[in-house]
Amino acid sequence: KLYEKAIENVNMLNPEFVVITGDFVHDQNSEEQIKEFKRITSQINNSIRVYYTPGNHDIGQIPTRKSIRKYKKNYGNDRFSLMHNNSLFIGINSGLIKAALEKQEAKQYRWLIRQLEKGKGANHVIVFCHYPFFNKTVNEPEAYSNIGPEAREKYLTLFKEYGVDAVFAGHYHNNALNTFNGVELVTTSAVGKPLGEAPSGFRIIKVGKSKISHAYYGLEEIPESLKVN
């Protein structure tokens, strides 16, 4: 019911595109849940593009080749990259980073660098993923809800080098806002089961020529229209 309500609001707002940052289902092996997610998602207007990044409930805490193949069969690629209005938007499979799967992570990392190269000269570069790199402080230890310090430093250094403006993540079931080395790190609460004070809702990101702005809205607080400066 909450997801259908969210999609009603999405269709009313008619954004350029939607990004869902993982955990589409609770049980990755439940065909019933996957079918229901697809059924509700199909209610998004055909004119609105939808992009996905996988969550741990979609590919497992430690992804396997089998779980990723199944993910791709059901949802398409586990990463994406698009240039839109001279801004670059990239989605990555952060489960590979979190689980430290060396070969798969290295392959994606090389792909990510190639995509970031395309962003040179873009107005903005924005990255989407499931796991936050950190939630409170950049030096916090690894936990269920973040990425380990070694990989964290590796990627945050890369993002700074290529002028990434912001990284948007999920997983935490709560909102969190941080900035490190000029990169904004934004964690967004959940539609299905928020675990913080924020109600069920989603984040609206406005990308203008000179700036990015964003805000989280509960499903009963959604504005009636989008205006981007």
C-alpha atoms as a PDB file:
ATOM      1  CA  LYS A   1       0.000   0.000   0.000  1.00  0.00           C
ATOM      2  CA  LEU A   2       2.811   2.411   0.841  1.00  0.00           C
ATOM      3  CA  TYR A   3       4.638   1.683  -2.419  1.00  0.00           C
ATOM      4  CA  GLU A   4       1.464   2.180  -4.446  1.00  0.00           C
ATOM      5  CA  LYS A   5       0.908   5.478  -2.626  1.00  0.00           C
ATOM      6  CA  ALA A   6       4.481   6.509  -3.433  1.00  0.00           C
ATOM      7  CA  ILE A   7       3.928   5.740  -7.109  1.00  0.00           C
ATOM      8  CA  GLU A   8       0.720   7.756  -7.188  1.00  0.00           C
ATOM      9  CA  ASN A   9       2.787  10.702  -6.003  1.00  0.00           C
ATOM     10  CA  VAL A  10       5.558   9.996  -8.510  1.00  0.00           C
ATOM     11  CA  ASN A  11       3.050   9.996 -11.361  1.00  0.00           C
ATOM     12  CA  MET A  12       1.584  13.269 -10.108  1.00  0.00           C
ATOM     13  CA  LEU A  13       5.020  14.913  -9.953  1.00  0.00           C
ATOM     14  CA  ASN A  14       6.146  13.469 -13.305  1.00  0.00           C
ATOM     15  CA  PRO A  15       9.916  13.667 -12.678  1.00  0.00           C
ATOM     16  CA  GLU A  16      12.567  13.156 -15.340  1.00  0.00           C
ATOM     17  CA  PHE A  17      13.373   9.765 -13.822  1.00  0.00           C
ATOM     18  CA  VAL A  18      13.222   7.693 -10.630  1.00  0.00           C
ATOM     19  CA  VAL A  19      16.073   5.858  -8.890  1.00  0.00           C
ATOM     20  CA  ILE A  20      15.283   3.041  -6.463  1.00  0.00           C
ATOM     21  CA  THR A  21      18.352   2.337  -4.338  1.00  0.00           C
ATOM     22  CA  GLY A  22      17.719  -1.263  -3.406  1.00  0.00           C
ATOM     23  CA  ASP A  23      15.753  -3.665  -1.223  1.00  0.00           C
ATOM     24  CA  PHE A  24      12.865  -4.018  -3.635  1.00  0.00           C
ATOM     25  CA  VAL A  25      11.783  -7.159  -1.775  1.00  0.00           C
ATOM     26  CA  HIS A  26      12.461  -8.653   1.634  1.00  0.00           C
ATOM     27  CA  ASP A  27      13.274 -12.167   0.392  1.00  0.00           C
ATOM     28  CA  GLN A  28      15.320 -12.316  -2.785  1.00  0.00           C
ATOM     29  CA  ASN A  29      14.165 -15.902  -3.365  1.00  0.00           C
ATOM     30  CA  SER A  30      10.455 -15.124  -3.124  1.00  0.00           C
ATOM     31  CA  GLU A  31       8.980 -15.167  -6.618  1.00  0.00           C
ATOM     32  CA  GLU A  32       5.745 -13.830  -5.138  1.00  0.00           C
ATOM     33  CA  GLN A  33       7.487 -10.755  -3.720  1.00  0.00           C
ATOM     34  CA  ILE A  34       9.431 -10.127  -6.931  1.00  0.00           C
ATOM     35  CA  LYS A  35       6.243 -10.428  -8.968  1.00  0.00           C
ATOM     36  CA  GLU A  36       4.422  -8.011  -6.670  1.00  0.00           C
ATOM     37  CA  PHE A  37       7.261  -5.485  -6.819  1.00  0.00           C
ATOM     38  CA  LYS A  38       7.190  -5.626 -10.608  1.00  0.00           C
ATOM     39  CA  ARG A  39       3.415  -5.300 -10.684  1.00  0.00           C
ATOM     40  CA  ILE A  40       3.399  -2.164  -8.583  1.00  0.00           C
ATOM     41  CA  THR A  41       6.439  -0.661 -10.312  1.00  0.00           C
ATOM     42  CA  SER A  42       4.729  -1.097 -13.669  1.00  0.00           C
ATOM     43  CA  GLN A  43       2.168   1.484 -12.504  1.00  0.00           C
ATOM     44  CA  ILE A  44       4.776   4.236 -12.952  1.00  0.00           C
ATOM     45  CA  ASN A  45       3.936   6.203 -16.076  1.00  0.00           C
ATOM     46  CA  ASN A  46       5.767   4.863 -19.133  1.00  0.00           C
ATOM     47  CA  SER A  47       7.223   8.306 -19.795  1.00  0.00           C
ATOM     48  CA  ILE A  48       9.145   8.208 -16.484  1.00  0.00           C
ATOM     49  CA  ARG A  49      12.359   6.212 -16.653  1.00  0.00           C
ATOM     50  CA  VAL A  50      13.201   4.001 -13.675  1.00  0.00           C
ATOM     51  CA  TYR A  51      16.731   3.013 -12.645  1.00  0.00           C
ATOM     52  CA  TYR A  52      17.769   0.516  -9.981  1.00  0.00           C
ATOM     53  CA  THR A  53      20.734  -0.225  -7.742  1.00  0.00           C
ATOM     54  CA  PRO A  54      20.657  -3.552  -5.877  1.00  0.00           C
ATOM     55  CA  GLY A  55      20.258  -3.896  -2.122  1.00  0.00           C
ATOM     56  CA  ASN A  56      21.350  -6.698   0.162  1.00  0.00           C
ATOM     57  CA  HIS A  57      17.794  -8.087   0.197  1.00  0.00           C
ATOM     58  CA  ASP A  58      17.955  -8.339  -3.608  1.00  0.00           C
ATOM     59  CA  ILE A  59      21.363 -10.015  -4.038  1.00  0.00           C
ATOM     60  CA  GLY A  60      22.294 -11.209  -0.544  1.00  0.00           C
ATOM     61  CA  GLN A  61      24.695  -9.997   2.127  1.00  0.00           C
ATOM     62  CA  ILE A  62      27.462 -11.679   0.160  1.00  0.00           C
ATOM     63  CA  PRO A  63      26.389 -11.572  -3.487  1.00  0.00           C
ATOM     64  CA  THR A  64      27.109 -14.599  -5.631  1.00  0.00           C
ATOM     65  CA  ARG A  65      27.302 -14.972  -9.386  1.00  0.00           C
ATOM     66  CA  LYS A  66      23.999 -16.819  -9.163  1.00  0.00           C
ATOM     67  CA  SER A  67      22.251 -14.093  -7.145  1.00  0.00           C
ATOM     68  CA  ILE A  68      23.525 -11.368  -9.477  1.00  0.00           C
ATOM     69  CA  ARG A  69      22.417 -13.340 -12.547  1.00  0.00           C
ATOM     70  CA  LYS A  70      18.978 -13.664 -11.003  1.00  0.00           C
ATOM     71  CA  TYR A  71      18.926  -9.954 -10.188  1.00  0.00           C
ATOM     72  CA  LYS A  72      19.815  -9.050 -13.782  1.00  0.00           C
ATOM     73  CA  LYS A  73      17.137 -11.399 -15.086  1.00  0.00           C
ATOM     74  CA  ASN A  74      14.480  -9.728 -12.948  1.00  0.00           C
ATOM     75  CA  TYR A  75      15.563  -6.083 -12.922  1.00  0.00           C
ATOM     76  CA  GLY A  76      18.212  -5.494 -15.586  1.00  0.00           C
ATOM     77  CA  ASN A  77      21.827  -4.459 -15.070  1.00  0.00           C
ATOM     78  CA  ASP A  78      23.164  -3.964 -11.543  1.00  0.00           C
ATOM     79  CA  ARG A  79      24.641  -0.561 -12.480  1.00  0.00           C
ATOM     80  CA  PHE A  80      23.769   2.327 -14.767  1.00  0.00           C
ATOM     81  CA  SER A  81      25.167   5.521 -16.212  1.00  0.00           C
ATOM     82  CA  LEU A  82      23.421   8.306 -18.079  1.00  0.00           C
ATOM     83  CA  MET A  83      24.129  11.860 -19.117  1.00  0.00           C
ATOM     84  CA  HIS A  84      21.034  14.045 -18.784  1.00  0.00           C
ATOM     85  CA  ASN A  85      20.884  17.816 -19.248  1.00  0.00           C
ATOM     86  CA  ASN A  86      24.681  17.900 -19.088  1.00  0.00           C
ATOM     87  CA  SER A  87      24.790  16.176 -15.702  1.00  0.00           C
ATOM     88  CA  LEU A  88      26.103  12.651 -15.187  1.00  0.00           C
ATOM     89  CA  PHE A  89      24.132  10.143 -13.084  1.00  0.00           C
ATOM     90  CA  ILE A  90      25.746   6.840 -12.103  1.00  0.00           C
ATOM     91  CA  GLY A  91      24.360   3.875 -10.154  1.00  0.00           C
ATOM     92  CA  ILE A  92      26.655   1.190  -8.740  1.00  0.00           C
ATOM     93  CA  ASN A  93      26.316  -2.189  -7.046  1.00  0.00           C
ATOM     94  CA  SER A  94      27.624  -1.324  -3.579  1.00  0.00           C
ATOM     95  CA  GLY A  95      27.005  -4.896  -2.409  1.00  0.00           C
ATOM     96  CA  LEU A  96      30.202  -5.875  -4.231  1.00  0.00           C
ATOM     97  CA  ILE A  97      32.079  -3.212  -2.270  1.00  0.00           C
ATOM     98  CA  LYS A  98      30.521  -4.079   1.083  1.00  0.00           C
ATOM     99  CA  ALA A  99      31.261  -7.796   0.710  1.00  0.00           C
ATOM    100  CA  ALA A 100      34.807  -7.108  -0.563  1.00  0.00           C
ATOM    101  CA  LEU A 101      34.357  -9.371  -3.573  1.00  0.00           C
ATOM    102  CA  GLU A 102      37.734  -8.592  -5.107  1.00  0.00           C
ATOM    103  CA  LYS A 103      37.314  -9.579  -8.758  1.00  0.00           C
ATOM    104  CA  GLN A 104      33.760  -8.324  -9.209  1.00  0.00           C
ATOM    105  CA  GLU A 105      34.464  -5.111  -7.292  1.00  0.00           C
ATOM    106  CA  ALA A 106      37.612  -4.420  -9.334  1.00  0.00           C
ATOM    107  CA  LYS A 107      35.718  -4.890 -12.581  1.00  0.00           C
ATOM    108  CA  GLN A 108      33.002  -2.479 -11.469  1.00  0.00           C
ATOM    109  CA  TYR A 109      35.626  -0.002 -10.219  1.00  0.00           C
ATOM    110  CA  ARG A 110      37.253   0.116 -13.657  1.00  0.00           C
ATOM    111  CA  TRP A 111      33.813   0.634 -15.199  1.00  0.00           C
ATOM    112  CA  LEU A 112      33.098   3.417 -12.701  1.00  0.00           C
ATOM    113  CA  ILE A 113      36.303   5.254 -13.641  1.00  0.00           C
ATOM    114  CA  ARG A 114      35.350   5.064 -17.325  1.00  0.00           C
ATOM    115  CA  GLN A 115      31.951   6.561 -16.525  1.00  0.00           C
ATOM    116  CA  LEU A 116      33.429   9.311 -14.338  1.00  0.00           C
ATOM    117  CA  GLU A 117      35.752  10.248 -17.189  1.00  0.00           C
ATOM    118  CA  LYS A 118      32.643  11.040 -19.216  1.00  0.00           C
ATOM    119  CA  GLY A 119      31.603  13.503 -16.519  1.00  0.00           C
ATOM    120  CA  LYS A 120      34.517  15.848 -17.048  1.00  0.00           C
ATOM    121  CA  GLY A 121      32.927  19.143 -18.053  1.00  0.00           C
ATOM    122  CA  ALA A 122      29.453  18.115 -16.850  1.00  0.00           C
ATOM    123  CA  ASN A 123      27.468  20.508 -14.697  1.00  0.00           C
ATOM    124  CA  HIS A 124      27.131  17.889 -11.960  1.00  0.00           C
ATOM    125  CA  VAL A 125      28.108  14.292 -11.212  1.00  0.00           C
ATOM    126  CA  ILE A 126      25.779  12.292  -8.951  1.00  0.00           C
ATOM    127  CA  VAL A 127      26.216   8.698  -7.737  1.00  0.00           C
ATOM    128  CA  PHE A 128      23.525   6.341  -6.418  1.00  0.00           C
ATOM    129  CA  CYS A 129      24.034   3.127  -4.427  1.00  0.00           C
ATOM    130  CA  HIS A 130      22.466   1.050  -1.666  1.00  0.00           C
ATOM    131  CA  TYR A 131      25.009   1.072   1.169  1.00  0.00           C
ATOM    132  CA  PRO A 132      26.038   4.431   2.653  1.00  0.00           C
ATOM    133  CA  PHE A 133      29.798   4.892   2.811  1.00  0.00           C
ATOM    134  CA  PHE A 134      29.260   6.266   6.329  1.00  0.00           C
ATOM    135  CA  ASN A 135      26.336   7.588   8.345  1.00  0.00           C
ATOM    136  CA  LYS A 136      27.720   9.846  11.085  1.00  0.00           C
ATOM    137  CA  THR A 137      31.475  10.301  10.825  1.00  0.00           C
ATOM    138  CA  VAL A 138      33.989   9.382   8.150  1.00  0.00           C
ATOM    139  CA  ASN A 139      36.095   7.537  10.766  1.00  0.00           C
ATOM    140  CA  GLU A 140      33.288   5.366  12.103  1.00  0.00           C
ATOM    141  CA  PRO A 141      34.014   1.610  12.208  1.00  0.00           C
ATOM    142  CA  GLU A 142      32.392  -0.765   9.762  1.00  0.00           C
ATOM    143  CA  ALA A 143      28.918  -1.936  10.766  1.00  0.00           C
ATOM    144  CA  TYR A 144      25.878  -3.478   9.122  1.00  0.00           C
ATOM    145  CA  SER A 145      24.755  -0.072   7.884  1.00  0.00           C
ATOM    146  CA  ASN A 146      27.933   1.245   6.214  1.00  0.00           C
ATOM    147  CA  ILE A 147      30.958   0.324   4.100  1.00  0.00           C
ATOM    148  CA  GLY A 148      34.312  -0.563   5.659  1.00  0.00           C
ATOM    149  CA  PRO A 149      36.994   2.121   6.183  1.00  0.00           C
ATOM    150  CA  GLU A 150      39.458   0.860   3.550  1.00  0.00           C
ATOM    151  CA  ALA A 151      36.919   0.763   0.725  1.00  0.00           C
ATOM    152  CA  ARG A 152      35.320   3.941   2.064  1.00  0.00           C
ATOM    153  CA  GLU A 153      38.590   5.856   1.704  1.00  0.00           C
ATOM    154  CA  LYS A 154      39.201   4.395  -1.746  1.00  0.00           C
ATOM    155  CA  TYR A 155      35.853   5.515  -3.126  1.00  0.00           C
ATOM    156  CA  LEU A 156      35.652   8.871  -1.363  1.00  0.00           C
ATOM    157  CA  THR A 157      39.098   9.696  -2.744  1.00  0.00           C
ATOM    158  CA  LEU A 158      37.905   8.735  -6.222  1.00  0.00           C
ATOM    159  CA  PHE A 159      34.758  10.817  -5.899  1.00  0.00           C
ATOM    160  CA  LYS A 160      36.779  13.858  -4.831  1.00  0.00           C
ATOM    161  CA  GLU A 161      39.212  13.373  -7.710  1.00  0.00           C
ATOM    162  CA  TYR A 162      36.416  13.354 -10.276  1.00  0.00           C
ATOM    163  CA  GLY A 163      34.379  16.148  -8.726  1.00  0.00           C
ATOM    164  CA  VAL A 164      31.368  14.083  -7.669  1.00  0.00           C
ATOM    165  CA  ASP A 165      28.804  16.435  -6.170  1.00  0.00           C
ATOM    166  CA  ALA A 166      26.721  13.964  -4.189  1.00  0.00           C
ATOM    167  CA  VAL A 167      26.249  10.292  -3.350  1.00  0.00           C
ATOM    168  CA  PHE A 168      22.698   9.152  -2.570  1.00  0.00           C
ATOM    169  CA  ALA A 169      22.224   5.886  -0.676  1.00  0.00           C
ATOM    170  CA  GLY A 170      19.529   3.884   1.129  1.00  0.00           C
ATOM    171  CA  HIS A 171      19.793   0.776   3.356  1.00  0.00           C
ATOM    172  CA  TYR A 172      19.830   2.712   6.645  1.00  0.00           C
ATOM    173  CA  HIS A 173      16.010   3.090   6.805  1.00  0.00           C
ATOM    174  CA  ASN A 174      16.683   6.573   8.137  1.00  0.00           C
ATOM    175  CA  ASN A 175      17.837   9.948   6.862  1.00  0.00           C
ATOM    176  CA  ALA A 176      21.440  11.088   7.258  1.00  0.00           C
ATOM    177  CA  LEU A 177      23.313  14.037   5.745  1.00  0.00           C
ATOM    178  CA  ASN A 178      27.098  14.455   5.660  1.00  0.00           C
ATOM    179  CA  THR A 179      29.757  16.211   3.606  1.00  0.00           C
ATOM    180  CA  PHE A 180      33.333  15.048   3.150  1.00  0.00           C
ATOM    181  CA  ASN A 181      35.970  16.631   0.899  1.00  0.00           C
ATOM    182  CA  GLY A 182      33.269  18.607  -0.851  1.00  0.00           C
ATOM    183  CA  VAL A 183      31.157  15.531  -1.621  1.00  0.00           C
ATOM    184  CA  GLU A 184      27.674  15.482  -0.106  1.00  0.00           C
ATOM    185  CA  LEU A 185      26.672  12.053   1.237  1.00  0.00           C
ATOM    186  CA  VAL A 186      22.922  11.638   1.547  1.00  0.00           C
ATOM    187  CA  THR A 187      21.187   8.621   3.051  1.00  0.00           C
ATOM    188  CA  THR A 188      17.451   8.383   2.471  1.00  0.00           C
ATOM    189  CA  SER A 189      14.822   6.688   4.627  1.00  0.00           C
ATOM    190  CA  ALA A 190      12.435   4.046   3.331  1.00  0.00           C
ATOM    191  CA  VAL A 191       9.070   3.819   1.644  1.00  0.00           C
ATOM    192  CA  GLY A 192       8.300   0.451   3.176  1.00  0.00           C
ATOM    193  CA  LYS A 193       9.673   0.400   6.719  1.00  0.00           C
ATOM    194  CA  PRO A 194      11.307   3.540   8.126  1.00  0.00           C
ATOM    195  CA  LEU A 195      13.353   2.931  11.277  1.00  0.00           C
ATOM    196  CA  GLY A 196      13.916   6.567  12.214  1.00  0.00           C
ATOM    197  CA  GLU A 197      11.635   9.508  12.918  1.00  0.00           C
ATOM    198  CA  ALA A 198      10.904  10.241   9.258  1.00  0.00           C
ATOM    199  CA  PRO A 199       7.624   8.824   7.939  1.00  0.00           C
ATOM    200  CA  SER A 200       7.353   6.576   4.890  1.00  0.00           C
ATOM    201  CA  GLY A 201       8.349   8.690   1.910  1.00  0.00           C
ATOM    202  CA  PHE A 202      10.963   9.506  -0.698  1.00  0.00           C
ATOM    203  CA  ARG A 203      13.542  12.123  -1.611  1.00  0.00           C
ATOM    204  CA  ILE A 204      13.071  14.663  -4.375  1.00  0.00           C
ATOM    205  CA  ILE A 205      16.318  15.801  -6.003  1.00  0.00           C
ATOM    206  CA  LYS A 206      16.323  18.959  -8.108  1.00  0.00           C
ATOM    207  CA  VAL A 207      19.277  19.387 -10.436  1.00  0.00           C
ATOM    208  CA  GLY A 208      19.648  22.873 -11.840  1.00  0.00           C
ATOM    209  CA  LYS A 209      22.417  24.243 -13.999  1.00  0.00           C
ATOM    210  CA  SER A 210      24.341  25.737 -11.092  1.00  0.00           C
ATOM    211  CA  LYS A 211      23.204  23.766  -8.045  1.00  0.00           C
ATOM    212  CA  ILE A 212      21.651  20.602  -6.651  1.00  0.00           C
ATOM    213  CA  SER A 213      18.962  20.688  -3.982  1.00  0.00           C
ATOM    214  CA  HIS A 214      17.031  17.876  -2.351  1.00  0.00           C
ATOM    215  CA  ALA A 215      14.534  17.197   0.409  1.00  0.00           C
ATOM    216  CA  TYR A 216      12.835  14.196   1.964  1.00  0.00           C
ATOM    217  CA  TYR A 217       9.024  14.154   2.002  1.00  0.00           C
ATOM    218  CA  GLY A 218       6.603  11.878   3.796  1.00  0.00           C
ATOM    219  CA  LEU A 219       3.905  10.432   1.569  1.00  0.00           C
ATOM    220  CA  GLU A 220       1.381  12.830   3.055  1.00  0.00           C
ATOM    221  CA  GLU A 221       3.673  15.833   2.528  1.00  0.00           C
ATOM    222  CA  ILE A 222       4.502  15.569  -1.178  1.00  0.00           C
ATOM    223  CA  PRO A 223       4.429  18.938  -3.011  1.00  0.00           C
ATOM    224  CA  GLU A 224       2.035  19.260  -5.923  1.00  0.00           C
ATOM    225  CA  SER A 225       4.664  20.134  -8.514  1.00  0.00           C
ATOM    226  CA  LEU A 226       8.378  20.287  -9.221  1.00  0.00           C
ATOM    227  CA  LYS A 227      10.168  23.519  -9.995  1.00  0.00           C
ATOM    228  CA  VAL A 228      13.870  23.533 -10.802  1.00  0.00           C
ATOM    229  CA  ASN A 229      15.897  26.747 -11.002  1.00  0.00           C
END
